[in-house]
C-alpha atoms as a PDB file:
ATOM      1  CA  MET A   1     113.834  88.388 -60.891  1.00  0.00           C
ATOM      2  CA  LYS A   2     114.639  84.761 -61.583  1.00  0.00           C
ATOM      3  CA  ALA A   3     115.001  83.650 -65.181  1.00  0.00           C
ATOM      4  CA  LYS A   4     112.417  81.181 -66.440  1.00  0.00           C
ATOM      5  CA  LEU A   5     113.720  77.617 -66.555  1.00  0.00           C
ATOM      6  CA  GLN A   6     113.364  75.373 -69.597  1.00  0.00           C
ATOM      7  CA  SER A   7     113.268  72.233 -67.442  1.00  0.00           C
ATOM      8  CA  ALA A   8     109.783  71.001 -66.621  1.00  0.00           C
ATOM      9  CA  LEU A   9     107.682  68.291 -65.005  1.00  0.00           C
ATOM     10  CA  PHE A  10     105.010  66.868 -67.292  1.00  0.00           C
ATOM     11  CA  PRO A  11     102.013  64.984 -65.864  1.00  0.00           C
ATOM     12  CA  GLY A  12     100.430  62.190 -67.883  1.00  0.00           C
ATOM     13  CA  HIS A  13      98.226  59.116 -67.713  1.00  0.00           C
ATOM     14  CA  VAL A  14      98.846  55.465 -68.552  1.00  0.00           C
ATOM     15  CA  THR A  15      95.918  53.241 -69.416  1.00  0.00           C
ATOM     16  CA  HIS A  16      95.775  49.559 -70.275  1.00  0.00           C
ATOM     17  CA  ALA A  17      92.889  47.286 -71.191  1.00  0.00           C
ATOM     18  CA  ARG A  18      92.883  43.542 -71.765  1.00  0.00           C
ATOM     19  CA  LEU A  19      89.874  41.636 -73.068  1.00  0.00           C
ATOM     20  CA  THR A  20      91.113  38.022 -72.948  1.00  0.00           C
ATOM     21  CA  PRO A  21      91.482  35.666 -71.191  1.00  0.00           C
ATOM     22  CA  LYS A  22      89.844  37.849 -68.550  1.00  0.00           C
ATOM     23  CA  VAL A  23      88.694  41.450 -68.820  1.00  0.00           C
ATOM     24  CA  HIS A  24      91.108  43.695 -67.008  1.00  0.00           C
ATOM     25  CA  LYS A  25      91.907  47.408 -67.175  1.00  0.00           C
ATOM     26  CA  LEU A  26      93.974  49.898 -65.246  1.00  0.00           C
ATOM     27  CA  ALA A  27      94.842  53.574 -65.321  1.00  0.00           C
ATOM     28  CA  TYR A  28      97.338  55.588 -63.333  1.00  0.00           C
ATOM     29  CA  ARG A  29      99.098  58.929 -63.350  1.00  0.00           C
ATOM     30  CA  ILE A  30     102.765  59.337 -64.284  1.00  0.00           C
ATOM     31  CA  TYR A  31     105.205  62.232 -64.363  1.00  0.00           C
ATOM     32  CA  SER A  32     108.060  62.820 -66.795  1.00  0.00           C
ATOM     33  CA  LEU A  33     110.945  65.085 -65.892  1.00  0.00           C
ATOM     34  CA  LEU A  34     112.554  67.032 -68.743  1.00  0.00           C
ATOM     35  CA  ILE A  35     115.865  68.505 -67.634  1.00  0.00           C
ATOM     36  CA  ASP A  36     117.876  71.069 -69.577  1.00  0.00           C
ATOM     37  CA  LEU A  37     121.473  70.030 -68.815  1.00  0.00           C
ATOM     38  CA  ASP A  38     122.581  73.670 -68.909  1.00  0.00           C
ATOM     39  CA  GLU A  39     120.279  74.328 -65.927  1.00  0.00           C
ATOM     40  CA  LEU A  40     121.598  71.661 -63.533  1.00  0.00           C
ATOM     41  CA  ASP A  41     123.329  74.110 -61.195  1.00  0.00           C
ATOM     42  CA  GLU A  42     120.302  76.427 -61.165  1.00  0.00           C
ATOM     43  CA  LEU A  43     117.945  73.519 -60.458  1.00  0.00           C
ATOM     44  CA  ASP A  44     120.226  72.463 -57.609  1.00  0.00           C
ATOM     45  CA  ARG A  45     119.923  75.934 -56.085  1.00  0.00           C
ATOM     46  CA  ARG A  46     116.172  76.383 -56.610  1.00  0.00           C
ATOM     47  CA  LEU A  47     114.624  72.977 -55.941  1.00  0.00           C
ATOM     48  CA  ARG A  48     114.537  71.330 -52.541  1.00  0.00           C
ATOM     49  CA  TRP A  49     114.221  67.728 -53.819  1.00  0.00           C
ATOM     50  CA  PHE A  50     116.792  67.999 -56.635  1.00  0.00           C
ATOM     51  CA  SER A  51     120.565  68.088 -56.277  1.00  0.00           C
ATOM     52  CA  VAL A  52     123.859  67.704 -58.112  1.00  0.00           C
ATOM     53  CA  ASP A  53     126.589  65.640 -56.381  1.00  0.00           C
ATOM     54  CA  ARG A  54     124.471  65.170 -53.248  1.00  0.00           C
ATOM     55  CA  PHE A  55     122.008  62.430 -52.359  1.00  0.00           C
ATOM     56  CA  ASN A  56     118.400  63.513 -52.789  1.00  0.00           C
ATOM     57  CA  LEU A  57     115.051  62.303 -54.097  1.00  0.00           C
ATOM     58  CA  PHE A  58     116.178  63.384 -57.596  1.00  0.00           C
ATOM     59  CA  HIS A  59     119.923  63.752 -58.017  1.00  0.00           C
ATOM     60  CA  PHE A  60     122.660  63.740 -60.641  1.00  0.00           C
ATOM     61  CA  THR A  61     126.308  62.863 -60.195  1.00  0.00           C
ATOM     62  CA  ALA A  62     129.110  64.795 -61.923  1.00  0.00           C
ATOM     63  CA  GLY A  63     132.295  63.075 -63.044  1.00  0.00           C
ATOM     64  CA  ILE A  64     131.133  60.438 -65.546  1.00  0.00           C
ATOM     65  CA  ALA A  65     133.392  60.078 -68.612  1.00  0.00           C
ATOM     66  CA  ALA A  66     130.787  60.848 -71.310  1.00  0.00           C
ATOM     67  CA  THR A  67     128.115  63.476 -70.823  1.00  0.00           C
ATOM     68  CA  ALA A  68     124.457  63.004 -71.584  1.00  0.00           C
ATOM     69  CA  ARG A  69     124.772  66.064 -73.806  1.00  0.00           C
ATOM     70  CA  ALA A  70     127.594  64.524 -75.819  1.00  0.00           C
ATOM     71  CA  ARG A  71     125.641  61.304 -76.279  1.00  0.00           C
ATOM     72  CA  THR A  72     122.572  63.203 -77.438  1.00  0.00           C
ATOM     73  CA  CYS A  73     124.598  65.286 -79.880  1.00  0.00           C
ATOM     74  CA  ALA A  74     126.346  62.191 -81.232  1.00  0.00           C
ATOM     75  CA  ARG A  75     122.974  60.593 -81.973  1.00  0.00           C
ATOM     76  CA  ARG A  76     121.835  63.676 -83.881  1.00  0.00           C
ATOM     77  CA  SER A  77     124.937  64.188 -86.024  1.00  0.00           C
ATOM     78  CA  ASN A  78     128.442  62.944 -86.737  1.00  0.00           C
ATOM     79  CA  THR A  79     130.048  66.047 -85.252  1.00  0.00           C
ATOM     80  CA  PRO A  80     130.270  66.980 -81.572  1.00  0.00           C
ATOM     81  CA  CYS A  81     127.997  69.769 -80.368  1.00  0.00           C
ATOM     82  CA  GLU A  82     129.459  73.031 -79.243  1.00  0.00           C
ATOM     83  CA  ARG A  83     128.547  74.103 -75.734  1.00  0.00           C
ATOM     84  CA  PRO A  84     129.453  76.968 -73.434  1.00  0.00           C
ATOM     85  CA  ALA A  85     132.148  76.385 -70.804  1.00  0.00           C
ATOM     86  CA  SER A  86     129.517  76.710 -68.059  1.00  0.00           C
ATOM     87  CA  SER A  87     127.776  73.520 -69.214  1.00  0.00           C
ATOM     88  CA  GLN A  88     130.780  71.203 -68.942  1.00  0.00           C
ATOM     89  CA  THR A  89     129.063  69.256 -66.159  1.00  0.00           C
ATOM     90  CA  VAL A  90     129.125  65.504 -66.692  1.00  0.00           C
ATOM     91  CA  VAL A  91     125.972  63.833 -65.388  1.00  0.00           C
ATOM     92  CA  ARG A  92     124.211  60.546 -64.936  1.00  0.00           C
ATOM     93  CA  SER A  93     120.917  59.799 -63.301  1.00  0.00           C
ATOM     94  CA  GLY A  94     121.385  58.909 -59.656  1.00  0.00           C
ATOM     95  CA  SER A  95     119.469  56.305 -57.688  1.00  0.00           C
END
């Protein structure tokens, strides 16, 4: 049995209304992707449109000097976060 992933896709809505100089309003759907950095390799194996170090609709590239995890930890505290050896992957959002 596969373990449940913490990463998720969240649907949402954006709305905007303007009253002057002319009445205008719009609404559309959006999606936010929350990725647990410890799950990158598992996401790469499980999801067809997601990959690590390969071009895809959603992809991440390993090998960047500072990790997203390290940046997040640095913003939360003055000390680096501890992490297991398996999560040493360095990532950046690909495009």
